[in-house]
Amino acid sequence: TADMHRLINALESLPKPIVGGRAAALGTLAAIHKRFDVLA
């Protein structure tokens, strides 16, 4: 969960706008992160 959070932050820090593939990756990672955090 911590590593995933770091990756999400790294992806969010890339130049804007966040669209297309980056948006899909961020949305999916955020959903997985939340599930793992709740489970932990």
PDB file of all heavy atoms in Angstrom:
ATOM      1  N   THR A   1       0.834  -1.207   0.000  1.00  0.00           N
ATOM      2  CA  THR A   1       0.000   0.000   0.000  1.00  0.00           C
ATOM      3  C   THR A   1       0.869   1.257   0.000  1.00  0.00           C
ATOM      4  O   THR A   1       0.583   2.212  -0.731  1.00  0.00           O
ATOM      5  CB  THR A   1      -0.951  -0.019   1.220  1.00  0.00           C
ATOM      6  OG1 THR A   1      -1.726  -1.213   1.178  1.00  0.00           O
ATOM      7  CG2 THR A   1      -1.880   1.155   1.219  1.00  0.00           C
ATOM      8  N   ALA A   2       1.925   1.247   0.785  1.00  0.00           N
ATOM      9  CA  ALA A   2       2.826   2.410   0.833  1.00  0.00           C
ATOM     10  C   ALA A   2       3.531   2.605  -0.505  1.00  0.00           C
ATOM     11  O   ALA A   2       3.643   3.743  -0.996  1.00  0.00           O
ATOM     12  CB  ALA A   2       3.850   2.228   1.954  1.00  0.00           C
ATOM     13  N   ASP A   3       3.999   1.510  -1.112  1.00  0.00           N
ATOM     14  CA  ASP A   3       4.653   1.615  -2.421  1.00  0.00           C
ATOM     15  C   ASP A   3       3.682   2.116  -3.479  1.00  0.00           C
ATOM     16  O   ASP A   3       4.042   2.923  -4.342  1.00  0.00           O
ATOM     17  CB  ASP A   3       5.233   0.262  -2.848  1.00  0.00           C
ATOM     18  CG  ASP A   3       6.424  -0.162  -2.002  1.00  0.00           C
ATOM     19  OD1 ASP A   3       7.005   0.699  -1.300  1.00  0.00           O
ATOM     20  OD2 ASP A   3       6.773  -1.351  -2.042  1.00  0.00           O
ATOM     21  N   MET A   4       2.451   1.640  -3.414  1.00  0.00           N
ATOM     22  CA  MET A   4       1.446   2.073  -4.377  1.00  0.00           C
ATOM     23  C   MET A   4       1.147   3.560  -4.201  1.00  0.00           C
ATOM     24  O   MET A   4       0.995   4.289  -5.196  1.00  0.00           O
ATOM     25  CB  MET A   4       0.172   1.237  -4.197  1.00  0.00           C
ATOM     26  CG  MET A   4      -0.782   1.344  -5.356  1.00  0.00           C
ATOM     27  SD  MET A   4      -2.175   0.201  -5.210  1.00  0.00           S
ATOM     28  CE  MET A   4      -1.347  -1.372  -5.085  1.00  0.00           C
ATOM     29  N   HIS A   5       1.100   4.010  -2.967  1.00  0.00           N
ATOM     30  CA  HIS A   5       0.870   5.429  -2.701  1.00  0.00           C
ATOM     31  C   HIS A   5       1.994   6.276  -3.300  1.00  0.00           C
ATOM     32  O   HIS A   5       1.738   7.322  -3.907  1.00  0.00           O
ATOM     33  CB  HIS A   5       0.757   5.662  -1.189  1.00  0.00           C
ATOM     34  CG  HIS A   5       0.429   7.061  -0.821  1.00  0.00           C
ATOM     35  ND1 HIS A   5      -0.812   7.609  -0.998  1.00  0.00           N
ATOM     36  CD2 HIS A   5       1.209   8.045  -0.299  1.00  0.00           C
ATOM     37  CE1 HIS A   5      -0.794   8.862  -0.607  1.00  0.00           C
ATOM     38  NE2 HIS A   5       0.427   9.164  -0.174  1.00  0.00           N
ATOM     39  N   ARG A   6       3.233   5.821  -3.163  1.00  0.00           N
ATOM     40  CA  ARG A   6       4.375   6.538  -3.746  1.00  0.00           C
ATOM     41  C   ARG A   6       4.268   6.585  -5.273  1.00  0.00           C
ATOM     42  O   ARG A   6       4.583   7.601  -5.897  1.00  0.00           O
ATOM     43  CB  ARG A   6       5.689   5.878  -3.328  1.00  0.00           C
ATOM     44  CG  ARG A   6       6.071   6.157  -1.901  1.00  0.00           C
ATOM     45  CD  ARG A   6       7.436   5.628  -1.454  1.00  0.00           C
ATOM     46  NE  ARG A   6       8.359   5.248  -2.480  1.00  0.00           N
ATOM     47  CZ  ARG A   6       8.722   3.979  -2.768  1.00  0.00           C
ATOM     48  NH1 ARG A   6       8.209   2.968  -2.098  1.00  0.00           N
ATOM     49  NH2 ARG A   6       9.602   3.727  -3.707  1.00  0.00           N
ATOM     50  N   LEU A   7       3.827   5.473  -5.884  1.00  0.00           N
ATOM     51  CA  LEU A   7       3.674   5.451  -7.344  1.00  0.00           C
ATOM     52  C   LEU A   7       2.563   6.398  -7.778  1.00  0.00           C
ATOM     53  O   LEU A   7       2.713   7.136  -8.763  1.00  0.00           O
ATOM     54  CB  LEU A   7       3.404   4.031  -7.847  1.00  0.00           C
ATOM     55  CG  LEU A   7       3.182   3.891  -9.352  1.00  0.00           C
ATOM     56  CD1 LEU A   7       4.369   4.440 -10.146  1.00  0.00           C
ATOM     57  CD2 LEU A   7       2.920   2.432  -9.711  1.00  0.00           C
ATOM     58  N   ILE A   8       1.469   6.407  -7.065  1.00  0.00           N
ATOM     59  CA  ILE A   8       0.373   7.334  -7.385  1.00  0.00           C
ATOM     60  C   ILE A   8       0.879   8.772  -7.324  1.00  0.00           C
ATOM     61  O   ILE A   8       0.625   9.573  -8.228  1.00  0.00           O
ATOM     62  CB  ILE A   8      -0.827   7.106  -6.438  1.00  0.00           C
ATOM     63  CG1 ILE A   8      -1.513   5.767  -6.749  1.00  0.00           C
ATOM     64  CG2 ILE A   8      -1.828   8.260  -6.534  1.00  0.00           C
ATOM     65  CD1 ILE A   8      -2.506   5.307  -5.688  1.00  0.00           C
ATOM     66  N   ASN A   9       1.612   9.106  -6.270  1.00  0.00           N
ATOM     67  CA  ASN A   9       2.164  10.468  -6.151  1.00  0.00           C
ATOM     68  C   ASN A   9       3.115  10.787  -7.296  1.00  0.00           C
ATOM     69  O   ASN A   9       3.106  11.905  -7.827  1.00  0.00           O
ATOM     70  CB  ASN A   9       2.875  10.640  -4.809  1.00  0.00           C
ATOM     71  CG  ASN A   9       1.911  10.760  -3.656  1.00  0.00           C
ATOM     72  OD1 ASN A   9       0.737  11.048  -3.843  1.00  0.00           O
ATOM     73  ND2 ASN A   9       2.398  10.510  -2.458  1.00  0.00           N
ATOM     74  N   ALA A  10       3.935   9.814  -7.682  1.00  0.00           N
ATOM     75  CA  ALA A  10       4.877  10.031  -8.786  1.00  0.00           C
ATOM     76  C   ALA A  10       4.130  10.280 -10.095  1.00  0.00           C
ATOM     77  O   ALA A  10       4.501  11.165 -10.873  1.00  0.00           O
ATOM     78  CB  ALA A  10       5.814   8.833  -8.920  1.00  0.00           C
ATOM     79  N   LEU A  11       3.071   9.522 -10.338  1.00  0.00           N
ATOM     80  CA  LEU A  11       2.288   9.710 -11.564  1.00  0.00           C
ATOM     81  C   LEU A  11       1.574  11.059 -11.550  1.00  0.00           C
ATOM     82  O   LEU A  11       1.479  11.726 -12.581  1.00  0.00           O
ATOM     83  CB  LEU A  11       1.279   8.574 -11.735  1.00  0.00           C
ATOM     84  CG  LEU A  11       1.865   7.205 -12.063  1.00  0.00           C
ATOM     85  CD1 LEU A  11       0.785   6.129 -12.009  1.00  0.00           C
ATOM     86  CD2 LEU A  11       2.539   7.213 -13.429  1.00  0.00           C
ATOM     87  N   GLU A  12       1.082  11.453 -10.388  1.00  0.00           N
ATOM     88  CA  GLU A  12       0.396  12.746 -10.285  1.00  0.00           C
ATOM     89  C   GLU A  12       1.352  13.915 -10.462  1.00  0.00           C
ATOM     90  O   GLU A  12       0.931  14.999 -10.848  1.00  0.00           O
ATOM     91  CB  GLU A  12      -0.319  12.855  -8.936  1.00  0.00           C
ATOM     92  CG  GLU A  12      -1.543  11.975  -8.845  1.00  0.00           C
ATOM     93  CD  GLU A  12      -2.220  12.010  -7.488  1.00  0.00           C
ATOM     94  OE1 GLU A  12      -1.550  12.359  -6.488  1.00  0.00           O
ATOM     95  OE2 GLU A  12      -3.405  11.669  -7.433  1.00  0.00           O
ATOM     96  N   SER A  13       2.640  13.700 -10.193  1.00  0.00           N
ATOM     97  CA  SER A  13       3.606  14.796 -10.305  1.00  0.00           C
ATOM     98  C   SER A  13       4.092  15.016 -11.738  1.00  0.00           C
ATOM     99  O   SER A  13       4.782  15.996 -12.007  1.00  0.00           O
ATOM    100  CB  SER A  13       4.801  14.544  -9.390  1.00  0.00           C
ATOM    101  OG  SER A  13       5.613  13.509  -9.905  1.00  0.00           O
ATOM    102  N   LEU A  14       3.724  14.117 -12.651  1.00  0.00           N
ATOM    103  CA  LEU A  14       4.111  14.303 -14.057  1.00  0.00           C
ATOM    104  C   LEU A  14       3.376  15.505 -14.631  1.00  0.00           C
ATOM    105  O   LEU A  14       2.335  15.917 -14.102  1.00  0.00           O
ATOM    106  CB  LEU A  14       3.775  13.041 -14.865  1.00  0.00           C
ATOM    107  CG  LEU A  14       4.620  11.809 -14.551  1.00  0.00           C
ATOM    108  CD1 LEU A  14       4.076  10.588 -15.302  1.00  0.00           C
ATOM    109  CD2 LEU A  14       6.079  12.036 -14.896  1.00  0.00           C
ATOM    110  N   PRO A  15       3.896  16.073 -15.716  1.00  0.00           N
ATOM    111  CA  PRO A  15       3.241  17.248 -16.312  1.00  0.00           C
ATOM    112  C   PRO A  15       1.764  16.999 -16.609  1.00  0.00           C
ATOM    113  O   PRO A  15       1.358  15.903 -16.973  1.00  0.00           O
ATOM    114  CB  PRO A  15       4.035  17.474 -17.595  1.00  0.00           C
ATOM    115  CG  PRO A  15       5.365  16.852 -17.345  1.00  0.00           C
ATOM    116  CD  PRO A  15       5.096  15.683 -16.444  1.00  0.00           C
ATOM    117  N   LYS A  16       0.984  18.025 -16.429  1.00  0.00           N
ATOM    118  CA  LYS A  16      -0.458  17.973 -16.669  1.00  0.00           C
ATOM    119  C   LYS A  16      -0.718  18.198 -18.151  1.00  0.00           C
ATOM    120  O   LYS A  16       0.123  18.717 -18.846  1.00  0.00           O
ATOM    121  CB  LYS A  16      -1.182  19.025 -15.835  1.00  0.00           C
ATOM    122  CG  LYS A  16      -0.858  18.987 -14.356  1.00  0.00           C
ATOM    123  CD  LYS A  16      -1.205  17.664 -13.708  1.00  0.00           C
ATOM    124  CE  LYS A  16      -0.992  17.695 -12.208  1.00  0.00           C
ATOM    125  NZ  LYS A  16       0.059  16.872 -11.697  1.00  0.00           N
ATOM    126  N   PRO A  17      -1.808  17.846 -18.719  1.00  0.00           N
ATOM    127  CA  PRO A  17      -2.974  17.257 -18.083  1.00  0.00           C
ATOM    128  C   PRO A  17      -2.823  15.742 -17.922  1.00  0.00           C
ATOM    129  O   PRO A  17      -2.034  15.111 -18.614  1.00  0.00           O
ATOM    130  CB  PRO A  17      -4.111  17.574 -19.059  1.00  0.00           C
ATOM    131  CG  PRO A  17      -3.452  17.563 -20.402  1.00  0.00           C
ATOM    132  CD  PRO A  17      -2.060  18.116 -20.149  1.00  0.00           C
ATOM    133  N   ILE A  18      -3.592  15.216 -16.985  1.00  0.00           N
ATOM    134  CA  ILE A  18      -3.619  13.771 -16.767  1.00  0.00           C
ATOM    135  C   ILE A  18      -4.827  13.239 -17.530  1.00  0.00           C
ATOM    136  O   ILE A  18      -5.964  13.419 -17.101  1.00  0.00           O
ATOM    137  CB  ILE A  18      -3.718  13.445 -15.263  1.00  0.00           C
ATOM    138  CG1 ILE A  18      -2.505  14.011 -14.537  1.00  0.00           C
ATOM    139  CG2 ILE A  18      -3.854  11.952 -15.056  1.00  0.00           C
ATOM    140  CD1 ILE A  18      -2.565  13.898 -13.028  1.00  0.00           C
ATOM    141  N   VAL A  19      -4.546  12.628 -18.674  1.00  0.00           N
ATOM    142  CA  VAL A  19      -5.626  12.115 -19.525  1.00  0.00           C
ATOM    143  C   VAL A  19      -5.234  10.745 -20.065  1.00  0.00           C
ATOM    144  O   VAL A  19      -4.102  10.291 -19.903  1.00  0.00           O
ATOM    145  CB  VAL A  19      -5.913  13.075 -20.708  1.00  0.00           C
ATOM    146  CG1 VAL A  19      -6.434  14.415 -20.207  1.00  0.00           C
ATOM    147  CG2 VAL A  19      -4.670  13.288 -21.550  1.00  0.00           C
ATOM    148  N   GLY A  20      -6.163  10.111 -20.743  1.00  0.00           N
ATOM    149  CA  GLY A  20      -5.893   8.855 -21.441  1.00  0.00           C
ATOM    150  C   GLY A  20      -5.336   7.774 -20.545  1.00  0.00           C
ATOM    151  O   GLY A  20      -5.875   7.465 -19.492  1.00  0.00           O
ATOM    152  N   GLY A  21      -4.214   7.216 -20.977  1.00  0.00           N
ATOM    153  CA  GLY A  21      -3.599   6.102 -20.277  1.00  0.00           C
ATOM    154  C   GLY A  21      -3.162   6.441 -18.861  1.00  0.00           C
ATOM    155  O   GLY A  21      -3.294   5.625 -17.946  1.00  0.00           O
ATOM    156  N   ARG A  22      -2.641   7.647 -18.680  1.00  0.00           N
ATOM    157  CA  ARG A  22      -2.236   8.048 -17.325  1.00  0.00           C
ATOM    158  C   ARG A  22      -3.439   8.122 -16.400  1.00  0.00           C
ATOM    159  O   ARG A  22      -3.375   7.706 -15.240  1.00  0.00           O
ATOM    160  CB  ARG A  22      -1.526   9.395 -17.349  1.00  0.00           C
ATOM    161  CG  ARG A  22      -0.074   9.267 -17.739  1.00  0.00           C
ATOM    162  CD  ARG A  22       0.671  10.581 -17.774  1.00  0.00           C
ATOM    163  NE  ARG A  22       0.450  11.460 -16.654  1.00  0.00           N
ATOM    164  CZ  ARG A  22       0.557  12.781 -16.733  1.00  0.00           C
ATOM    165  NH1 ARG A  22       0.866  13.366 -17.862  1.00  0.00           N
ATOM    166  NH2 ARG A  22       0.368  13.521 -15.669  1.00  0.00           N
ATOM    167  N   ALA A  23      -4.543   8.636 -16.903  1.00  0.00           N
ATOM    168  CA  ALA A  23      -5.756   8.733 -16.087  1.00  0.00           C
ATOM    169  C   ALA A  23      -6.266   7.342 -15.731  1.00  0.00           C
ATOM    170  O   ALA A  23      -6.671   7.101 -14.586  1.00  0.00           O
ATOM    171  CB  ALA A  23      -6.826   9.529 -16.827  1.00  0.00           C
ATOM    172  N   ALA A  24      -6.220   6.432 -16.682  1.00  0.00           N
ATOM    173  CA  ALA A  24      -6.660   5.057 -16.424  1.00  0.00           C
ATOM    174  C   ALA A  24      -5.772   4.397 -15.374  1.00  0.00           C
ATOM    175  O   ALA A  24      -6.268   3.723 -14.457  1.00  0.00           O
ATOM    176  CB  ALA A  24      -6.651   4.245 -17.718  1.00  0.00           C
ATOM    177  N   ALA A  25      -4.477   4.580 -15.495  1.00  0.00           N
ATOM    178  CA  ALA A  25      -3.548   3.995 -14.529  1.00  0.00           C
ATOM    179  C   ALA A  25      -3.787   4.580 -13.139  1.00  0.00           C
ATOM    180  O   ALA A  25      -3.863   3.838 -12.153  1.00  0.00           O
ATOM    181  CB  ALA A  25      -2.104   4.232 -14.974  1.00  0.00           C
ATOM    182  N   LEU A  26      -3.913   5.899 -13.052  1.00  0.00           N
ATOM    183  CA  LEU A  26      -4.123   6.539 -11.754  1.00  0.00           C
ATOM    184  C   LEU A  26      -5.431   6.105 -11.108  1.00  0.00           C
ATOM    185  O   LEU A  26      -5.471   5.821  -9.905  1.00  0.00           O
ATOM    186  CB  LEU A  26      -4.098   8.058 -11.900  1.00  0.00           C
ATOM    187  CG  LEU A  26      -2.729   8.693 -11.833  1.00  0.00           C
ATOM    188  CD1 LEU A  26      -2.782  10.157 -12.255  1.00  0.00           C
ATOM    189  CD2 LEU A  26      -2.155   8.569 -10.444  1.00  0.00           C
ATOM    190  N   GLY A  27      -6.491   6.062 -11.878  1.00  0.00           N
ATOM    191  CA  GLY A  27      -7.790   5.661 -11.329  1.00  0.00           C
ATOM    192  C   GLY A  27      -7.776   4.233 -10.818  1.00  0.00           C
ATOM    193  O   GLY A  27      -8.286   3.942  -9.728  1.00  0.00           O
ATOM    194  N   THR A  28      -7.178   3.339 -11.594  1.00  0.00           N
ATOM    195  CA  THR A  28      -7.112   1.938 -11.188  1.00  0.00           C
ATOM    196  C   THR A  28      -6.223   1.768  -9.967  1.00  0.00           C
ATOM    197  O   THR A  28      -6.582   1.059  -9.018  1.00  0.00           O
ATOM    198  CB  THR A  28      -6.617   1.059 -12.357  1.00  0.00           C
ATOM    199  OG1 THR A  28      -7.478   1.265 -13.487  1.00  0.00           O
ATOM    200  CG2 THR A  28      -6.614  -0.408 -11.994  1.00  0.00           C
ATOM    201  N   LEU A  29      -5.067   2.407  -9.965  1.00  0.00           N
ATOM    202  CA  LEU A  29      -4.170   2.325  -8.805  1.00  0.00           C
ATOM    203  C   LEU A  29      -4.832   2.900  -7.552  1.00  0.00           C
ATOM    204  O   LEU A  29      -4.689   2.329  -6.461  1.00  0.00           O
ATOM    205  CB  LEU A  29      -2.858   3.053  -9.084  1.00  0.00           C
ATOM    206  CG  LEU A  29      -1.891   2.337 -10.013  1.00  0.00           C
ATOM    207  CD1 LEU A  29      -0.767   3.278 -10.432  1.00  0.00           C
ATOM    208  CD2 LEU A  29      -1.327   1.093  -9.346  1.00  0.00           C
ATOM    209  N   ALA A  30      -5.552   3.997  -7.697  1.00  0.00           N
ATOM    210  CA  ALA A  30      -6.225   4.594  -6.537  1.00  0.00           C
ATOM    211  C   ALA A  30      -7.278   3.643  -5.972  1.00  0.00           C
ATOM    212  O   ALA A  30      -7.405   3.520  -4.742  1.00  0.00           O
ATOM    213  CB  ALA A  30      -6.855   5.932  -6.920  1.00  0.00           C
ATOM    214  N   ALA A  31      -8.012   2.977  -6.836  1.00  0.00           N
ATOM    215  CA  ALA A  31      -9.037   2.031  -6.375  1.00  0.00           C
ATOM    216  C   ALA A  31      -8.399   0.832  -5.668  1.00  0.00           C
ATOM    217  O   ALA A  31      -8.869   0.409  -4.603  1.00  0.00           O
ATOM    218  CB  ALA A  31      -9.885   1.563  -7.550  1.00  0.00           C
ATOM    219  N   ILE A  32      -7.338   0.296  -6.233  1.00  0.00           N
ATOM    220  CA  ILE A  32      -6.641  -0.835  -5.608  1.00  0.00           C
ATOM    221  C   ILE A  32      -6.036  -0.400  -4.272  1.00  0.00           C
ATOM    222  O   ILE A  32      -6.124  -1.110  -3.272  1.00  0.00           O
ATOM    223  CB  ILE A  32      -5.559  -1.410  -6.537  1.00  0.00           C
ATOM    224  CG1 ILE A  32      -6.191  -2.020  -7.785  1.00  0.00           C
ATOM    225  CG2 ILE A  32      -4.717  -2.459  -5.812  1.00  0.00           C
ATOM    226  CD1 ILE A  32      -5.183  -2.374  -8.872  1.00  0.00           C
ATOM    227  N   HIS A  33      -5.428   0.773  -4.255  1.00  0.00           N
ATOM    228  CA  HIS A  33      -4.833   1.300  -3.033  1.00  0.00           C
ATOM    229  C   HIS A  33      -5.877   1.378  -1.920  1.00  0.00           C
ATOM    230  O   HIS A  33      -5.621   0.961  -0.784  1.00  0.00           O
ATOM    231  CB  HIS A  33      -4.226   2.682  -3.303  1.00  0.00           C
ATOM    232  CG  HIS A  33      -3.609   3.315  -2.109  1.00  0.00           C
ATOM    233  ND1 HIS A  33      -4.312   4.174  -1.294  1.00  0.00           N
ATOM    234  CD2 HIS A  33      -2.372   3.212  -1.571  1.00  0.00           C
ATOM    235  CE1 HIS A  33      -3.531   4.577  -0.319  1.00  0.00           C
ATOM    236  NE2 HIS A  33      -2.345   4.007  -0.463  1.00  0.00           N
ATOM    237  N   LYS A  34      -7.036   1.906  -2.238  1.00  0.00           N
ATOM    238  CA  LYS A  34      -8.094   2.028  -1.232  1.00  0.00           C
ATOM    239  C   LYS A  34      -8.508   0.650  -0.727  1.00  0.00           C
ATOM    240  O   LYS A  34      -8.666   0.453   0.485  1.00  0.00           O
ATOM    241  CB  LYS A  34      -9.287   2.782  -1.801  1.00  0.00           C
ATOM    242  CG  LYS A  34     -10.393   2.967  -0.778  1.00  0.00           C
ATOM    243  CD  LYS A  34     -11.492   3.859  -1.271  1.00  0.00           C
ATOM    244  CE  LYS A  34     -12.578   3.916  -0.224  1.00  0.00           C
ATOM    245  NZ  LYS A  34     -12.954   5.237   0.121  1.00  0.00           N
ATOM    246  N   ARG A  35      -8.694  -0.322  -1.637  1.00  0.00           N
ATOM    247  CA  ARG A  35      -9.085  -1.676  -1.223  1.00  0.00           C
ATOM    248  C   ARG A  35      -8.034  -2.286  -0.305  1.00  0.00           C
ATOM    249  O   ARG A  35      -8.358  -2.898   0.707  1.00  0.00           O
ATOM    250  CB  ARG A  35      -9.298  -2.576  -2.448  1.00  0.00           C
ATOM    251  CG  ARG A  35     -10.561  -2.244  -3.187  1.00  0.00           C
ATOM    252  CD  ARG A  35     -10.959  -3.173  -4.311  1.00  0.00           C
ATOM    253  NE  ARG A  35     -10.066  -4.196  -4.751  1.00  0.00           N
ATOM    254  CZ  ARG A  35      -9.743  -4.424  -6.028  1.00  0.00           C
ATOM    255  NH1 ARG A  35     -10.223  -3.654  -6.969  1.00  0.00           N
ATOM    256  NH2 ARG A  35      -8.958  -5.421  -6.348  1.00  0.00           N
ATOM    257  N   PHE A  36      -6.759  -2.151  -0.659  1.00  0.00           N
ATOM    258  CA  PHE A  36      -5.680  -2.713   0.156  1.00  0.00           C
ATOM    259  C   PHE A  36      -5.603  -2.021   1.512  1.00  0.00           C
ATOM    260  O   PHE A  36      -5.374  -2.665   2.530  1.00  0.00           O
ATOM    261  CB  PHE A  36      -4.336  -2.603  -0.562  1.00  0.00           C
ATOM    262  CG  PHE A  36      -4.104  -3.642  -1.630  1.00  0.00           C
ATOM    263  CD1 PHE A  36      -5.096  -4.498  -2.056  1.00  0.00           C
ATOM    264  CD2 PHE A  36      -2.860  -3.763  -2.212  1.00  0.00           C
ATOM    265  CE1 PHE A  36      -4.862  -5.459  -3.035  1.00  0.00           C
ATOM    266  CE2 PHE A  36      -2.603  -4.716  -3.186  1.00  0.00           C
ATOM    267  CZ  PHE A  36      -3.608  -5.565  -3.596  1.00  0.00           C
ATOM    268  N   ASP A  37      -5.783  -0.706   1.522  1.00  0.00           N
ATOM    269  CA  ASP A  37      -5.716   0.046   2.771  1.00  0.00           C
ATOM    270  C   ASP A  37      -6.840  -0.380   3.717  1.00  0.00           C
ATOM    271  O   ASP A  37      -6.607  -0.601   4.909  1.00  0.00           O
ATOM    272  CB  ASP A  37      -5.787   1.545   2.468  1.00  0.00           C
ATOM    273  CG  ASP A  37      -5.372   2.406   3.636  1.00  0.00           C
ATOM    274  OD1 ASP A  37      -4.398   2.061   4.323  1.00  0.00           O
ATOM    275  OD2 ASP A  37      -6.030   3.439   3.852  1.00  0.00           O
ATOM    276  N   VAL A  38      -8.041  -0.502   3.192  1.00  0.00           N
ATOM    277  CA  VAL A  38      -9.183  -0.939   4.002  1.00  0.00           C
ATOM    278  C   VAL A  38      -8.952  -2.361   4.510  1.00  0.00           C
ATOM    279  O   VAL A  38      -9.198  -2.655   5.687  1.00  0.00           O
ATOM    280  CB  VAL A  38     -10.497  -0.837   3.189  1.00  0.00           C
ATOM    281  CG1 VAL A  38     -11.646  -1.546   3.889  1.00  0.00           C
ATOM    282  CG2 VAL A  38     -10.850   0.623   2.932  1.00  0.00           C
ATOM    283  N   LEU A  39      -8.464  -3.227   3.646  1.00  0.00           N
ATOM    284  CA  LEU A  39      -8.214  -4.610   4.044  1.00  0.00           C
ATOM    285  C   LEU A  39      -7.135  -4.691   5.126  1.00  0.00           C
ATOM    286  O   LEU A  39      -7.291  -5.418   6.117  1.00  0.00           O
ATOM    287  CB  LEU A  39      -7.814  -5.453   2.833  1.00  0.00           C
ATOM    288  CG  LEU A  39      -7.499  -6.921   3.107  1.00  0.00           C
ATOM    289  CD1 LEU A  39      -8.669  -7.626   3.785  1.00  0.00           C
ATOM    290  CD2 LEU A  39      -7.135  -7.626   1.805  1.00  0.00           C
ATOM    291  N   ALA A  40      -6.055  -3.951   4.960  1.00  0.00           N
ATOM    292  CA  ALA A  40      -4.987  -3.962   5.969  1.00  0.00           C
ATOM    293  C   ALA A  40      -5.515  -3.492   7.319  1.00  0.00           C
ATOM    294  O   ALA A  40      -5.172  -4.067   8.358  1.00  0.00           O
ATOM    295  CB  ALA A  40      -3.817  -3.092   5.512  1.00  0.00           C
TER     296      ALA A  40
END
